[in-house]
Structure formats: C-alpha cells, structure tokens
Amino acid sequence: MLTLCGFAASNYYNKVKLALLEKEVPFAEKLVWVDRSPALLAKSPLGKIPYFEMDDKVLIESQPMLDYVEDAYPQKPLLPADPWDRAAVRQLIQFIELHLELVARELYGEAFFGGKVSDDIKLRVGKQLKRNAAAFGKLVKFSPYIAGDTFTMADCAALAHLPMVGSASKIIYGEDMLADYPVRDYVKMLAQRPTVQKIDIDRKANREAMTLWIAEAKAKANAK
C-alpha cells in the first residue's frame, strides 16, 4: 500500500494528502518529523517531508508525488484532459510554490514559531511578495476554483499554501499581501468539502504534537 510519510501540520504534506483523499486512493500515513536523523536522510536525502513509501521504493517532492498519483490512479482526475489546460494547472502550482510560498517561508520563523527575522529580510521579502502577488492576479481565476470551474490539483496546492502566505504577511507587515483576492471566501468554500474537513481536523491535532516535538528538540539542543 502507498504510505504518505511526514506530519499533518505541514502544508506540503496536506497538499498531497488532499489529492489522495479527493481521488479516493487507499493509503496509509506514517508520522515522520524533520529531525535530519539517519533514518530520515536514508529515505529523503535533504531531510524533507512529505515522501511516499511503497514496498521498497521511495518518492520525494510533493509535485512528482501528485503526478504519480494522477498517473497511477486516473479515476477522479485532478488535471484537465486538454494538454494546454493541464500545463496551465501545473503552471499555477509552480507559481504559487516558487513565487509566493517559498518567498513567504522566510517569514514563518517569526510569524508562526517564535523566532526572529531580520529587518533586511523583511524588507526584501515584502517587496518580492507585493510584486509576485500582483503577478499572481494575472494567472488565478477563482471561478470558483483556483484554475477555473473544476477542482484540480492546483486547489490542493492553493489551499495548502495561500492561507499561510496571507497570515505570515499579515503578522509581519500588518498587511495581507493577498488581500486583493478572494482567498478567504475561497477557503470557506473549500471547507465545505469532507476531504478538506478531514485535513483540517488532522492538521489541528498534529499541531499540538509538533509544538511538543519542537520544544523537546530545543531542550535537547540546549542540554548539549
């Protein structure tokens, strides 16, 4: 059986998990923290999650994981049939992850985890996010889904990432960089789906465990 490895508080983990749930693919879950342990690095060379295990095989990186699921389980497709439209969905995913989430990620330490981000980083990231958010508006549809009138794997990515980008920018700058777009209404709409409700319940439950794991890891590091 396909096993999804990682933890449910991770946005990239939930991107993949939502696709599995939407396509009704049988899968197991295995809790794996990003502890850079030899066991983790043997599976995921950069110590990242999520990853798939199946028999003696491992597949890393969330987008190849989604592509595998789409190819291996063609029922309930999350990509359009037309090649151009399929590429447009993948384009949107890549834009969200490279030009919004990856940029905003530099803020997460202070926004969500009690760390501190330098003023220089905040200034640079703020400029990038404003520019990239404006460009995002030229690609996105919200009609009602992120890529058009059908739920696609782009929605799996958008639901995982856009709320975090908006929240982090609001906390750090006092301004939601995605406020020009109906992200809040979009998330509320998707929250009516049973699959999204399952993701949210598991994410909230895992967040407490993640907080405890972080505290324990810090305590061990300070004891050395």
Protein backbone atom coordinates (compact mmCIF):
# COMPACT_ATOMS: atom_id res chain seq x y z
CA MET A 1 0.00 0.00 0.00
CA LEU A 2 1.06 3.56 -0.65
CA THR A 3 2.25 5.27 2.54
CA LEU A 4 2.37 9.04 2.97
CA CYS A 5 5.21 9.97 5.31
CA GLY A 6 5.51 13.25 7.17
CA PHE A 7 3.28 15.19 9.55
CA ALA A 8 -0.17 16.71 9.18
CA ALA A 9 0.80 20.24 10.24
CA SER A 10 2.90 20.56 7.06
CA ASN A 11 1.35 22.45 4.15
CA TYR A 12 3.15 20.30 1.56
CA TYR A 13 2.04 17.13 3.32
CA ASN A 14 -1.54 18.35 3.19
CA LYS A 15 -1.24 19.26 -0.47
CA VAL A 16 -0.54 15.61 -1.24
CA LYS A 17 -2.97 14.22 1.32
CA LEU A 18 -5.85 16.27 -0.09
CA ALA A 19 -5.20 14.88 -3.58
CA LEU A 20 -5.22 11.33 -2.22
CA LEU A 21 -8.48 11.93 -0.39
CA GLU A 22 -10.14 13.62 -3.36
CA LYS A 23 -9.18 10.74 -5.65
CA GLU A 24 -10.18 8.16 -3.02
CA VAL A 25 -6.80 6.44 -3.23
CA PRO A 26 -6.16 3.90 -0.44
CA PHE A 27 -3.13 4.99 1.58
CA ALA A 28 -1.54 4.75 4.99
CA GLU A 29 0.14 7.54 6.94
CA LYS A 30 3.41 7.40 8.87
CA LEU A 31 4.43 10.17 11.26
CA VAL A 32 7.91 11.44 10.37
CA TRP A 33 9.42 14.62 11.85
CA VAL A 34 12.07 16.65 10.06
CA ASP A 35 14.75 15.68 12.55
CA ARG A 36 17.50 15.02 9.98
CA SER A 37 18.02 11.61 11.55
CA PRO A 38 19.94 8.96 9.60
CA ALA A 39 16.66 7.10 9.12
CA LEU A 40 15.03 10.14 7.52
CA LEU A 41 18.04 11.00 5.37
CA ALA A 42 18.14 7.44 4.09
CA LYS A 43 14.65 7.99 2.69
CA SER A 44 14.74 11.70 1.83
CA PRO A 45 18.30 12.88 1.11
CA LEU A 46 17.60 16.52 2.07
CA GLY A 47 15.65 15.51 5.17
CA LYS A 48 12.40 16.90 3.77
CA ILE A 49 8.83 15.69 4.01
CA PRO A 50 6.49 14.54 2.63
CA TYR A 51 7.56 11.45 0.78
CA PHE A 52 5.91 8.26 -0.41
CA GLU A 53 6.91 4.74 0.51
CA MET A 54 5.65 1.76 -1.44
CA ASP A 55 7.24 -1.64 -0.94
CA ASP A 56 10.98 -0.88 -1.17
CA LYS A 57 10.53 2.31 -3.21
CA VAL A 58 10.56 5.95 -2.09
CA LEU A 59 9.33 9.03 -3.95
CA ILE A 60 10.17 12.54 -2.72
CA GLU A 61 8.97 16.08 -3.57
CA SER A 62 5.29 16.90 -3.44
CA GLN A 63 4.71 17.64 -7.12
CA PRO A 64 6.17 14.40 -8.50
CA MET A 65 4.13 12.68 -5.79
CA LEU A 66 0.95 14.31 -7.10
CA ASP A 67 1.90 13.47 -10.68
CA TYR A 68 2.43 9.84 -9.70
CA VAL A 69 -0.97 9.68 -8.02
CA GLU A 70 -2.63 11.22 -11.07
CA ASP A 71 -0.97 8.72 -13.42
CA ALA A 72 -1.38 5.65 -11.24
CA TYR A 73 -4.96 6.35 -10.21
CA PRO A 74 -6.70 8.00 -13.17
CA GLN A 75 -10.12 7.86 -11.55
CA LYS A 76 -11.47 11.23 -10.43
CA PRO A 77 -8.82 13.20 -12.37
CA LEU A 78 -7.31 16.32 -10.85
CA LEU A 79 -5.94 17.55 -14.17
CA PRO A 80 -7.93 18.59 -17.27
CA ALA A 81 -7.90 16.35 -20.33
CA ASP A 82 -6.61 19.08 -22.65
CA PRO A 83 -2.78 19.23 -22.67
CA TRP A 84 -2.69 23.04 -22.63
CA ASP A 85 -5.11 23.23 -19.73
CA ARG A 86 -3.11 20.59 -17.86
CA ALA A 87 0.02 22.66 -18.31
CA ALA A 88 -1.83 25.77 -17.10
CA VAL A 89 -2.78 23.99 -13.86
CA ARG A 90 0.83 22.92 -13.30
CA GLN A 91 1.97 26.47 -14.11
CA LEU A 92 -0.29 27.82 -11.39
CA ILE A 93 1.01 25.32 -8.85
CA GLN A 94 4.60 26.22 -9.66
CA PHE A 95 3.88 29.92 -9.42
CA ILE A 96 2.19 29.58 -6.03
CA GLU A 97 5.02 27.48 -4.62
CA LEU A 98 8.03 29.28 -6.10
CA HIS A 99 6.88 32.88 -6.12
CA LEU A 100 4.55 33.06 -3.13
CA GLU A 101 5.08 30.24 -0.63
CA LEU A 102 8.85 29.93 -0.98
CA VAL A 103 9.26 33.70 -0.67
CA ALA A 104 6.93 33.98 2.33
CA ARG A 105 8.57 30.99 4.01
CA GLU A 106 11.41 33.25 5.18
CA LEU A 107 8.85 34.91 7.46
CA TYR A 108 7.46 31.76 9.04
CA GLY A 109 10.07 31.53 11.79
CA GLU A 110 8.88 34.78 13.33
CA ALA A 111 5.27 34.64 12.21
CA PHE A 112 4.49 31.15 13.50
CA PHE A 113 7.32 29.70 15.57
CA GLY A 114 8.51 32.41 17.96
CA GLY A 115 11.74 33.14 16.11
CA LYS A 116 13.11 36.40 14.76
CA VAL A 117 13.57 37.58 11.18
CA SER A 118 15.97 40.43 10.40
CA ASP A 119 14.68 43.77 9.13
CA ASP A 120 16.68 43.32 5.91
CA ILE A 121 14.92 40.02 5.18
CA LYS A 122 11.54 41.54 5.98
CA LEU A 123 12.19 44.43 3.59
CA ARG A 124 13.34 42.16 0.76
CA VAL A 125 10.56 39.63 1.23
CA GLY A 126 7.92 42.34 1.46
CA LYS A 127 8.96 43.82 -1.89
CA GLN A 128 9.01 40.39 -3.53
CA LEU A 129 5.64 39.40 -2.17
CA LYS A 130 3.97 42.60 -3.36
CA ARG A 131 5.34 42.19 -6.85
CA ASN A 132 4.60 38.49 -7.04
CA ALA A 133 1.10 38.84 -5.60
CA ALA A 134 0.28 41.32 -8.36
CA ALA A 135 1.54 38.86 -10.97
CA PHE A 136 -0.44 36.07 -9.32
CA GLY A 137 -3.61 38.02 -10.06
CA LYS A 138 -2.96 37.69 -13.78
CA LEU A 139 -2.96 33.88 -13.59
CA VAL A 140 -5.54 32.98 -10.99
CA LYS A 141 -9.28 32.60 -11.70
CA PHE A 142 -11.28 31.91 -8.50
CA SER A 143 -14.25 30.92 -10.66
CA PRO A 144 -14.96 29.34 -8.23
CA TYR A 145 -11.80 27.18 -8.11
CA ILE A 146 -8.28 28.45 -8.41
CA ALA A 147 -7.86 27.40 -12.06
CA GLY A 148 -11.46 27.63 -13.25
CA ASP A 149 -14.79 25.84 -12.80
CA THR A 150 -13.33 22.46 -11.77
CA PHE A 151 -11.43 21.31 -8.67
CA THR A 152 -7.86 20.42 -9.71
CA MET A 153 -4.55 19.65 -8.09
CA ALA A 154 -3.93 23.42 -8.18
CA ASP A 155 -6.59 23.68 -5.48
CA CYS A 156 -4.66 21.15 -3.39
CA ALA A 157 -1.66 23.47 -3.56
CA ALA A 158 -3.60 26.71 -3.16
CA LEU A 159 -5.46 25.55 -0.07
CA ALA A 160 -2.21 24.35 1.50
CA HIS A 161 -0.20 27.50 0.81
CA LEU A 162 -2.27 30.65 0.28
CA PRO A 163 -3.62 30.94 3.85
CA MET A 164 -0.09 30.64 5.23
CA VAL A 165 1.26 33.29 2.86
CA GLY A 166 -1.56 35.66 3.77
CA SER A 167 -1.28 35.02 7.51
CA ALA A 168 2.50 35.38 7.61
CA SER A 169 2.42 38.68 5.72
CA LYS A 170 -0.41 39.98 7.93
CA ILE A 171 1.52 39.13 11.10
CA ILE A 172 4.84 40.57 9.92
CA TYR A 173 3.69 43.62 7.94
CA GLY A 174 0.20 44.24 9.25
CA GLU A 175 -0.95 43.71 5.68
CA ASP A 176 -2.21 40.56 3.97
CA MET A 177 -0.36 40.59 0.66
CA LEU A 178 -3.14 38.51 -0.90
CA ALA A 179 -5.97 40.75 0.34
CA ASP A 180 -6.82 41.84 -3.22
CA TYR A 181 -8.03 38.31 -3.96
CA PRO A 182 -10.99 36.36 -2.51
CA VAL A 183 -8.77 33.88 -0.70
CA ARG A 184 -10.86 33.91 2.47
CA ASP A 185 -14.11 33.18 0.62
CA TYR A 186 -12.33 30.56 -1.47
CA VAL A 187 -11.07 28.77 1.64
CA LYS A 188 -14.55 28.90 3.19
CA MET A 189 -15.99 27.34 0.05
CA LEU A 190 -13.44 24.52 0.06
CA ALA A 191 -14.05 23.98 3.78
CA GLN A 192 -17.45 22.53 2.86
CA ARG A 193 -15.73 19.54 1.24
CA PRO A 194 -15.46 16.48 3.55
CA THR A 195 -11.89 15.93 2.37
CA VAL A 196 -10.86 19.43 3.46
CA GLN A 197 -12.63 18.98 6.79
CA LYS A 198 -10.60 15.80 7.34
CA ILE A 199 -7.38 17.65 6.50
CA ASP A 200 -8.23 20.45 8.94
CA ILE A 201 -9.07 18.10 11.82
CA ASP A 202 -5.83 16.15 11.39
CA ARG A 203 -3.77 19.33 10.97
CA LYS A 204 -5.07 20.84 14.21
CA ALA A 205 -4.49 17.60 16.09
CA ASN A 206 -0.95 17.31 14.80
CA ARG A 207 -0.06 20.94 15.54
CA GLU A 208 -0.05 20.24 19.28
CA ALA A 209 2.26 17.27 18.77
CA MET A 210 4.53 19.38 16.58
CA THR A 211 4.75 22.10 19.24
CA LEU A 212 5.78 19.49 21.81
CA TRP A 213 8.32 17.98 19.41
CA ILE A 214 9.89 21.41 18.75
CA ALA A 215 10.12 22.13 22.47
CA GLU A 216 11.76 18.78 23.14
CA ALA A 217 14.22 19.28 20.28
CA LYS A 218 15.18 22.72 21.66
CA ALA A 219 15.63 21.29 25.14
CA LYS A 220 17.93 18.56 23.84
CA ALA A 221 19.96 21.09 21.86
CA ASN A 222 20.36 23.35 24.89
CA ALA A 223 21.43 20.42 27.05
CA LYS A 224 24.40 19.63 24.82
